[in-house]
Amino acid sequence: MSKLSTAWGPMSIRVIIGIGFIYHGFIKLFTSWGHDIFLRMLTEIGIPGATVISWLIGAIEFFGGIAILLGAFVTIASIILILNMLVAMFTVNISQGFNVFNVTVMVEAGPKYGLPGYEINLLYIAGLITLLIAGAGMLSIDKYLKERSKPESSE
């Protein structure tokens, strides 16, 4: 593998995963309709403390997404987000099957969709594991902090 791909490859993963988590976390935290729908879903599936959990998950996704996007504390953020995805997968998505498009009924206007399957969870987890293995890559706060902490060579 070339130095170019190992240096820049993780950045493309960081960008799309970071944006994905920011988007979903933003809806849960900063829109009343998104938060209400998410809270109702957690309540209906019997999650204890659904109100607190709904805010916590929104914060994990939003701020974790920002950390991933910026390449800041990628190891810690990836582990937390992997755990988040595993919990979501086993409490919500696995019962829906694999396919992200869970068609529940066909009507004249087209398909109606239910909750997604666990396909997306696995894709996010795979990307986050890649970041755990490869690191944050170029244009990341982690790389900047690592280079800054290196002792200067005396010549």
Protein backbone atom coordinates (compact mmCIF):
# COMPACT_ATOMS: atom_id res chain seq x y z
CA MET A 1 0.00 0.00 0.00
CA SER A 2 1.37 3.41 -0.92
CA LYS A 3 2.20 6.07 1.62
CA LEU A 4 -0.33 8.29 -0.14
CA SER A 5 -3.23 5.90 0.43
CA THR A 6 -2.38 5.19 4.06
CA ALA A 7 -1.99 8.92 4.78
CA TRP A 8 -5.04 10.20 2.91
CA GLY A 9 -7.34 7.14 2.85
CA PRO A 10 -8.67 7.53 6.40
CA MET A 11 -9.65 11.13 5.69
CA SER A 12 -12.35 10.11 3.19
CA ILE A 13 -13.77 7.66 5.73
CA ARG A 14 -13.65 10.32 8.45
CA VAL A 15 -15.53 12.82 6.31
CA ILE A 16 -18.49 10.61 5.40
CA ILE A 17 -18.78 8.92 8.80
CA GLY A 18 -18.39 12.23 10.61
CA ILE A 19 -21.05 13.91 8.49
CA GLY A 20 -23.39 10.93 8.95
CA PHE A 21 -23.15 11.01 12.73
CA ILE A 22 -23.37 14.81 12.87
CA TYR A 23 -26.52 14.71 10.74
CA HIS A 24 -28.28 12.06 12.82
CA GLY A 25 -27.16 13.56 16.12
CA PHE A 26 -28.22 17.05 15.04
CA ILE A 27 -31.75 15.87 14.27
CA LYS A 28 -32.00 14.15 17.67
CA LEU A 29 -30.61 17.14 19.60
CA PHE A 30 -31.66 20.28 17.77
CA THR A 31 -34.99 19.59 16.06
CA SER A 32 -38.15 19.08 18.09
CA TRP A 33 -39.68 16.74 15.52
CA GLY A 34 -36.54 14.59 15.30
CA HIS A 35 -36.12 14.39 19.05
CA ASP A 36 -39.81 13.62 19.59
CA ILE A 37 -39.81 10.82 16.99
CA PHE A 38 -36.63 9.30 18.44
CA LEU A 39 -37.93 9.55 22.02
CA ARG A 40 -41.25 7.96 20.99
CA MET A 41 -39.40 5.11 19.26
CA LEU A 42 -37.21 4.45 22.33
CA THR A 43 -40.29 4.52 24.59
CA GLU A 44 -42.27 2.17 22.33
CA ILE A 45 -39.50 -0.44 22.25
CA GLY A 46 -39.27 -0.29 26.05
CA ILE A 47 -35.92 1.43 26.63
CA PRO A 48 -35.73 2.42 30.32
CA GLY A 49 -34.98 6.10 30.92
CA ALA A 50 -35.82 6.90 27.31
CA THR A 51 -35.81 10.67 27.86
CA VAL A 52 -32.24 10.76 29.19
CA ILE A 53 -31.08 8.12 26.71
CA SER A 54 -32.51 10.07 23.76
CA TRP A 55 -30.47 13.16 24.70
CA LEU A 56 -27.37 11.07 25.45
CA ILE A 57 -27.46 9.25 22.11
CA GLY A 58 -28.01 12.52 20.25
CA ALA A 59 -25.00 14.05 22.00
CA ILE A 60 -22.81 10.99 21.38
CA GLU A 61 -23.66 11.00 17.68
CA PHE A 62 -23.38 14.77 17.18
CA PHE A 63 -20.19 15.41 19.15
CA GLY A 64 -18.67 12.05 18.20
CA GLY A 65 -19.31 12.93 14.56
CA ILE A 66 -17.57 16.28 14.98
CA ALA A 67 -14.57 14.52 16.58
CA ILE A 68 -14.39 12.00 13.73
CA LEU A 69 -14.77 14.68 11.04
CA LEU A 70 -11.99 16.80 12.56
CA GLY A 71 -9.82 13.78 13.30
CA ALA A 72 -9.76 14.62 17.01
CA PHE A 73 -9.44 11.82 19.56
CA VAL A 74 -10.42 9.36 16.82
CA THR A 75 -9.61 6.26 18.88
CA ILE A 76 -11.87 7.25 21.79
CA ALA A 77 -14.62 8.61 19.52
CA SER A 78 -14.55 5.47 17.36
CA ILE A 79 -14.88 3.14 20.35
CA ILE A 80 -17.81 5.13 21.77
CA LEU A 81 -19.55 5.28 18.37
CA ILE A 82 -18.97 1.56 17.74
CA LEU A 83 -20.65 0.80 21.08
CA ASN A 84 -23.49 3.17 20.11
CA MET A 85 -23.95 1.32 16.80
CA LEU A 86 -23.85 -2.10 18.47
CA VAL A 87 -26.52 -1.11 20.99
CA ALA A 88 -28.69 0.35 18.20
CA MET A 89 -28.17 -2.74 16.08
CA PHE A 90 -29.13 -5.22 18.80
CA THR A 91 -32.01 -3.22 20.30
CA VAL A 92 -33.63 -1.80 17.15
CA ASN A 93 -32.25 -2.88 13.80
CA ILE A 94 -31.44 -6.60 14.00
CA SER A 95 -35.12 -7.58 14.26
CA GLN A 96 -35.73 -5.74 10.98
CA GLY A 97 -33.36 -7.98 9.00
CA PHE A 98 -30.23 -7.01 7.08
CA ASN A 99 -31.55 -4.70 4.35
CA VAL A 100 -31.50 -0.98 5.07
CA PHE A 101 -34.69 -0.61 3.01
CA ASN A 102 -37.35 -2.35 5.07
CA VAL A 103 -40.48 -2.14 2.92
CA THR A 104 -43.48 -2.74 5.16
CA VAL A 105 -46.27 -2.23 2.64
CA MET A 106 -46.77 -1.20 -0.97
CA VAL A 107 -49.39 1.44 -1.63
CA GLU A 108 -50.41 3.19 -4.82
CA ALA A 109 -47.98 6.05 -4.13
CA GLY A 110 -45.10 3.60 -3.64
CA PRO A 111 -43.43 1.67 -0.84
CA LYS A 112 -43.80 2.53 2.84
CA TYR A 113 -40.69 1.91 4.89
CA GLY A 114 -40.30 0.69 8.45
CA LEU A 115 -37.20 0.81 10.61
CA PRO A 116 -34.01 0.01 8.70
CA GLY A 117 -32.17 -3.28 9.04
CA TYR A 118 -28.68 -3.59 10.47
CA GLU A 119 -26.79 -3.10 7.19
CA ILE A 120 -26.02 0.57 7.94
CA ASN A 121 -24.87 -0.25 11.47
CA LEU A 122 -22.33 -2.69 10.06
CA LEU A 123 -21.10 -0.16 7.49
CA TYR A 124 -20.56 2.48 10.18
CA ILE A 125 -18.84 -0.08 12.43
CA ALA A 126 -16.54 -1.21 9.59
CA GLY A 127 -15.53 2.39 8.87
CA LEU A 128 -14.91 3.11 12.54
CA ILE A 129 -12.80 -0.06 12.92
CA THR A 130 -10.79 1.08 9.89
CA LEU A 131 -10.10 4.38 11.66
CA LEU A 132 -9.11 2.50 14.83
CA ILE A 133 -6.57 0.49 12.83
CA ALA A 134 -5.31 3.16 10.41
CA GLY A 135 -5.60 6.24 12.59
CA ALA A 136 -7.06 9.60 11.66
CA GLY A 137 -4.83 10.22 8.64
CA MET A 138 -3.93 13.55 7.09
CA LEU A 139 -5.51 16.89 7.94
CA SER A 140 -6.48 15.70 11.41
CA ILE A 141 -6.12 17.15 14.86
CA ASP A 142 -4.69 13.82 16.04
CA LYS A 143 -1.90 14.05 13.44
CA TYR A 144 -1.20 17.67 14.38
CA LEU A 145 -0.99 16.82 18.09
CA LYS A 146 1.26 13.83 17.41
CA GLU A 147 3.66 15.89 15.28
CA ARG A 148 3.64 18.71 17.81
CA SER A 149 4.60 16.37 20.65
CA LYS A 150 7.63 14.96 18.79
CA PRO A 151 10.90 16.29 20.17
CA GLU A 152 12.77 18.52 17.75
CA SER A 153 15.87 16.91 16.32
CA SER A 154 19.12 18.67 17.12
CA GLU A 155 21.49 18.96 14.21
